[in-house]
Amino acid sequence: MTERAVIDQVDAVLVGSAKLPRDNGELVFEEPWQGRALGMGVVAMERFDITREEFRDALIAAIASHPDDPDETVATAYYAAWLDALEGVLGQRALLGA
């Protein structure tokens, strides 16, 4: 399956609860690290058999616990929560080093 197809699947699962940032239908990446974060999450889901729903639930929790920062853009806050969710899921599976 192509990376684009996987992103589309992830996007479909997130749409109702933690949708990816978009502008005029296009994904928003304000900085290169944001696109890389998305890519790392997609690869991790594929490589470690993380279900879209499992990641979605972790992302919802990460978004809810992300501190409000008026100087932070929506996209930056979202992708920071995305990385927190990814770290949490990988940590629960003991896939992260100390």
N, C-alpha and C. Protein backbone atom coordinates (compact mmCIF):
# COMPACT_ATOMS: atom_id res chain seq x y z
N MET A 1 0.85 -1.18 0.00
CA MET A 1 0.00 0.00 0.00
C MET A 1 0.90 1.24 0.00
N THR A 2 0.55 2.23 -0.78
CA THR A 2 1.34 3.45 -0.85
C THR A 2 1.16 4.29 0.41
N GLU A 3 2.14 5.15 0.66
CA GLU A 3 2.05 6.03 1.84
C GLU A 3 0.81 6.92 1.74
N ARG A 4 0.50 7.39 0.54
CA ARG A 4 -0.69 8.24 0.36
C ARG A 4 -1.96 7.49 0.72
N ALA A 5 -2.06 6.22 0.33
CA ALA A 5 -3.23 5.42 0.65
C ALA A 5 -3.36 5.23 2.16
N VAL A 6 -2.22 5.02 2.83
CA VAL A 6 -2.24 4.86 4.28
C VAL A 6 -2.66 6.16 4.95
N ILE A 7 -2.12 7.29 4.47
CA ILE A 7 -2.51 8.59 5.03
C ILE A 7 -4.01 8.81 4.84
N ASP A 8 -4.53 8.44 3.69
CA ASP A 8 -5.97 8.56 3.45
C ASP A 8 -6.77 7.72 4.44
N GLN A 9 -6.29 6.52 4.74
CA GLN A 9 -6.97 5.66 5.72
C GLN A 9 -6.92 6.29 7.12
N VAL A 10 -5.74 6.78 7.50
CA VAL A 10 -5.59 7.43 8.80
C VAL A 10 -6.51 8.65 8.86
N ASP A 11 -6.51 9.43 7.81
CA ASP A 11 -7.34 10.63 7.73
C ASP A 11 -8.82 10.28 7.91
N ALA A 12 -9.26 9.20 7.29
CA ALA A 12 -10.66 8.78 7.39
C ALA A 12 -11.03 8.40 8.82
N VAL A 13 -10.11 7.76 9.54
CA VAL A 13 -10.38 7.37 10.92
C VAL A 13 -10.39 8.59 11.84
N LEU A 14 -9.57 9.58 11.55
CA LEU A 14 -9.44 10.76 12.41
C LEU A 14 -10.49 11.83 12.15
N VAL A 15 -11.15 11.77 11.02
CA VAL A 15 -12.00 12.87 10.58
C VAL A 15 -13.05 13.31 11.60
N GLY A 16 -13.63 12.41 12.35
CA GLY A 16 -14.68 12.80 13.27
C GLY A 16 -14.20 13.28 14.62
N SER A 17 -12.93 13.01 14.97
CA SER A 17 -12.51 13.28 16.33
C SER A 17 -11.19 14.02 16.47
N ALA A 18 -10.28 13.84 15.54
CA ALA A 18 -8.96 14.46 15.65
C ALA A 18 -8.39 14.69 14.25
N LYS A 19 -9.19 15.32 13.41
CA LYS A 19 -8.84 15.43 12.00
C LYS A 19 -7.53 16.18 11.76
N LEU A 20 -6.85 15.77 10.71
CA LEU A 20 -5.60 16.40 10.31
C LEU A 20 -5.86 17.85 9.90
N PRO A 21 -4.93 18.76 10.22
CA PRO A 21 -5.12 20.17 9.84
C PRO A 21 -5.15 20.33 8.32
N ARG A 22 -6.11 21.07 7.84
CA ARG A 22 -6.25 21.30 6.39
C ARG A 22 -6.57 22.77 6.12
N ASP A 23 -6.22 23.18 4.92
CA ASP A 23 -6.58 24.49 4.41
C ASP A 23 -6.99 24.28 2.95
N ASN A 24 -8.22 24.61 2.63
CA ASN A 24 -8.76 24.36 1.29
C ASN A 24 -8.60 22.91 0.85
N GLY A 25 -8.77 22.00 1.81
CA GLY A 25 -8.70 20.58 1.52
C GLY A 25 -7.31 19.98 1.52
N GLU A 26 -6.28 20.81 1.56
CA GLU A 26 -4.90 20.32 1.54
C GLU A 26 -4.35 20.25 2.97
N LEU A 27 -3.56 19.20 3.23
CA LEU A 27 -2.91 19.09 4.54
C LEU A 27 -2.03 20.31 4.78
N VAL A 28 -2.01 20.76 6.04
CA VAL A 28 -1.21 21.93 6.41
C VAL A 28 0.04 21.46 7.13
N PHE A 29 1.19 21.86 6.61
CA PHE A 29 2.49 21.66 7.25
C PHE A 29 3.18 23.02 7.24
N GLU A 30 3.27 23.64 8.40
CA GLU A 30 3.89 24.95 8.47
C GLU A 30 5.40 24.86 8.53
N GLU A 31 5.89 23.72 9.00
CA GLU A 31 7.33 23.50 9.12
C GLU A 31 7.64 22.07 8.68
N PRO A 32 8.84 21.81 8.20
CA PRO A 32 9.18 20.47 7.73
C PRO A 32 8.98 19.36 8.76
N TRP A 33 9.24 19.65 10.04
CA TRP A 33 9.11 18.60 11.05
C TRP A 33 7.68 18.08 11.15
N GLN A 34 6.70 18.90 10.81
CA GLN A 34 5.30 18.47 10.91
C GLN A 34 5.00 17.37 9.90
N GLY A 35 5.46 17.53 8.68
CA GLY A 35 5.28 16.49 7.67
C GLY A 35 6.04 15.23 8.03
N ARG A 36 7.23 15.41 8.60
CA ARG A 36 8.02 14.25 9.03
C ARG A 36 7.32 13.51 10.16
N ALA A 37 6.72 14.26 11.08
CA ALA A 37 5.99 13.63 12.19
C ALA A 37 4.84 12.78 11.66
N LEU A 38 4.10 13.32 10.70
CA LEU A 38 3.01 12.57 10.10
C LEU A 38 3.56 11.30 9.44
N GLY A 39 4.63 11.45 8.69
CA GLY A 39 5.24 10.30 8.02
C GLY A 39 5.72 9.24 9.00
N MET A 40 6.35 9.67 10.10
CA MET A 40 6.81 8.71 11.10
C MET A 40 5.65 7.94 11.70
N GLY A 41 4.55 8.64 11.96
CA GLY A 41 3.37 7.97 12.51
C GLY A 41 2.80 6.95 11.56
N VAL A 42 2.73 7.31 10.30
CA VAL A 42 2.19 6.39 9.28
C VAL A 42 3.08 5.15 9.15
N VAL A 43 4.39 5.36 9.10
CA VAL A 43 5.32 4.23 9.01
C VAL A 43 5.23 3.36 10.26
N ALA A 44 5.17 3.97 11.42
CA ALA A 44 5.08 3.20 12.67
C ALA A 44 3.81 2.36 12.70
N MET A 45 2.69 2.93 12.25
CA MET A 45 1.44 2.17 12.23
C MET A 45 1.57 0.94 11.34
N GLU A 46 2.19 1.12 10.20
CA GLU A 46 2.37 0.00 9.27
C GLU A 46 3.37 -1.02 9.81
N ARG A 47 4.51 -0.55 10.26
CA ARG A 47 5.59 -1.45 10.66
C ARG A 47 5.28 -2.21 11.94
N PHE A 48 4.61 -1.56 12.88
CA PHE A 48 4.37 -2.18 14.18
C PHE A 48 2.93 -2.62 14.38
N ASP A 49 2.18 -2.65 13.29
CA ASP A 49 0.80 -3.14 13.32
C ASP A 49 -0.06 -2.41 14.35
N ILE A 50 0.07 -1.09 14.36
CA ILE A 50 -0.74 -0.23 15.23
C ILE A 50 -2.01 0.09 14.46
N THR A 51 -3.15 -0.22 15.05
CA THR A 51 -4.39 0.06 14.33
C THR A 51 -4.65 1.55 14.28
N ARG A 52 -5.38 1.96 13.26
CA ARG A 52 -5.74 3.38 13.14
C ARG A 52 -6.54 3.83 14.36
N GLU A 53 -7.40 2.95 14.83
CA GLU A 53 -8.24 3.29 15.99
C GLU A 53 -7.40 3.43 17.25
N GLU A 54 -6.41 2.56 17.43
CA GLU A 54 -5.53 2.66 18.59
C GLU A 54 -4.78 3.99 18.57
N PHE A 55 -4.27 4.35 17.40
CA PHE A 55 -3.55 5.61 17.30
C PHE A 55 -4.49 6.79 17.49
N ARG A 56 -5.68 6.70 16.91
CA ARG A 56 -6.67 7.78 17.06
C ARG A 56 -6.97 8.03 18.54
N ASP A 57 -7.18 6.97 19.29
CA ASP A 57 -7.48 7.13 20.72
C ASP A 57 -6.33 7.78 21.46
N ALA A 58 -5.09 7.38 21.12
CA ALA A 58 -3.92 8.00 21.75
C ALA A 58 -3.81 9.47 21.35
N LEU A 59 -4.13 9.78 20.10
CA LEU A 59 -4.06 11.16 19.62
C LEU A 59 -5.12 12.03 20.30
N ILE A 60 -6.32 11.52 20.44
CA ILE A 60 -7.38 12.27 21.13
C ILE A 60 -6.93 12.61 22.55
N ALA A 61 -6.35 11.63 23.25
CA ALA A 61 -5.87 11.87 24.62
C ALA A 61 -4.73 12.88 24.63
N ALA A 62 -3.83 12.78 23.65
CA ALA A 62 -2.70 13.71 23.59
C ALA A 62 -3.17 15.14 23.30
N ILE A 63 -4.15 15.28 22.42
CA ILE A 63 -4.70 16.61 22.12
C ILE A 63 -5.35 17.19 23.37
N ALA A 64 -6.11 16.37 24.08
CA ALA A 64 -6.80 16.83 25.29
C ALA A 64 -5.82 17.27 26.37
N SER A 65 -4.66 16.62 26.44
CA SER A 65 -3.70 16.95 27.50
C SER A 65 -2.66 17.98 27.07
N HIS A 66 -2.67 18.36 25.79
CA HIS A 66 -1.70 19.35 25.31
C HIS A 66 -2.03 20.72 25.91
N PRO A 67 -1.04 21.34 26.54
CA PRO A 67 -1.32 22.65 27.16
C PRO A 67 -1.64 23.72 26.13
N ASP A 68 -2.56 24.60 26.48
CA ASP A 68 -2.90 25.72 25.60
C ASP A 68 -1.76 26.73 25.61
N ASP A 69 -1.36 27.15 24.44
CA ASP A 69 -0.32 28.16 24.29
C ASP A 69 -0.80 29.13 23.22
N PRO A 70 -1.16 30.35 23.60
CA PRO A 70 -1.70 31.30 22.62
C PRO A 70 -0.71 31.66 21.51
N ASP A 71 0.58 31.40 21.72
CA ASP A 71 1.58 31.69 20.70
C ASP A 71 1.81 30.53 19.74
N GLU A 72 1.13 29.42 20.00
CA GLU A 72 1.31 28.22 19.18
C GLU A 72 0.21 28.13 18.13
N THR A 73 0.57 27.84 16.90
CA THR A 73 -0.43 27.69 15.85
C THR A 73 -1.19 26.38 16.03
N VAL A 74 -2.32 26.29 15.38
CA VAL A 74 -3.13 25.07 15.44
C VAL A 74 -2.34 23.88 14.90
N ALA A 75 -1.65 24.07 13.79
CA ALA A 75 -0.89 22.97 13.19
C ALA A 75 0.25 22.53 14.11
N THR A 76 0.95 23.48 14.71
CA THR A 76 2.05 23.13 15.62
C THR A 76 1.52 22.36 16.82
N ALA A 77 0.42 22.82 17.40
CA ALA A 77 -0.17 22.12 18.53
C ALA A 77 -0.61 20.72 18.14
N TYR A 78 -1.20 20.59 16.97
CA TYR A 78 -1.69 19.29 16.51
C TYR A 78 -0.54 18.31 16.33
N TYR A 79 0.50 18.72 15.62
CA TYR A 79 1.60 17.79 15.35
C TYR A 79 2.44 17.52 16.60
N ALA A 80 2.48 18.44 17.55
CA ALA A 80 3.13 18.16 18.83
C ALA A 80 2.35 17.06 19.56
N ALA A 81 1.02 17.16 19.54
CA ALA A 81 0.18 16.12 20.14
C ALA A 81 0.34 14.80 19.38
N TRP A 82 0.46 14.89 18.05
CA TRP A 82 0.67 13.70 17.21
C TRP A 82 1.93 12.96 17.68
N LEU A 83 3.03 13.71 17.90
CA LEU A 83 4.27 13.09 18.36
C LEU A 83 4.11 12.50 19.76
N ASP A 84 3.38 13.20 20.63
CA ASP A 84 3.12 12.66 21.97
C ASP A 84 2.36 11.34 21.88
N ALA A 85 1.36 11.29 21.01
CA ALA A 85 0.58 10.07 20.82
C ALA A 85 1.45 8.94 20.29
N LEU A 86 2.28 9.27 19.31
CA LEU A 86 3.17 8.26 18.73
C LEU A 86 4.13 7.72 19.79
N GLU A 87 4.72 8.61 20.55
CA GLU A 87 5.63 8.19 21.63
C GLU A 87 4.90 7.32 22.65
N GLY A 88 3.67 7.70 22.99
CA GLY A 88 2.89 6.92 23.95
C GLY A 88 2.59 5.51 23.46
N VAL A 89 2.15 5.40 22.22
CA VAL A 89 1.82 4.08 21.65
C VAL A 89 3.08 3.21 21.56
N LEU A 90 4.16 3.79 21.07
CA LEU A 90 5.41 3.01 20.95
C LEU A 90 5.95 2.65 22.32
N GLY A 91 5.81 3.54 23.29
CA GLY A 91 6.25 3.25 24.65
C GLY A 91 5.46 2.13 25.28
N GLN A 92 4.15 2.12 25.07
CA GLN A 92 3.31 1.04 25.61
C GLN A 92 3.70 -0.31 25.04
N ARG A 93 4.25 -0.33 23.85
CA ARG A 93 4.67 -1.58 23.21
C ARG A 93 6.14 -1.86 23.47
N ALA A 94 6.77 -1.08 24.35
CA ALA A 94 8.17 -1.23 24.70
C ALA A 94 9.09 -1.17 23.47
N LEU A 95 8.76 -0.26 22.56
CA LEU A 95 9.54 -0.10 21.33
C LEU A 95 10.46 1.10 21.37
N LEU A 96 10.51 1.79 22.52
CA LEU A 96 11.38 2.94 22.66
C LEU A 96 12.51 2.59 23.64
N GLY A 97 13.70 3.11 23.33
CA GLY A 97 14.82 2.92 24.24
C GLY A 97 14.68 3.82 25.45
N ALA A 98 15.52 3.56 26.43
CA ALA A 98 15.49 4.35 27.66
C ALA A 98 15.96 5.76 27.42
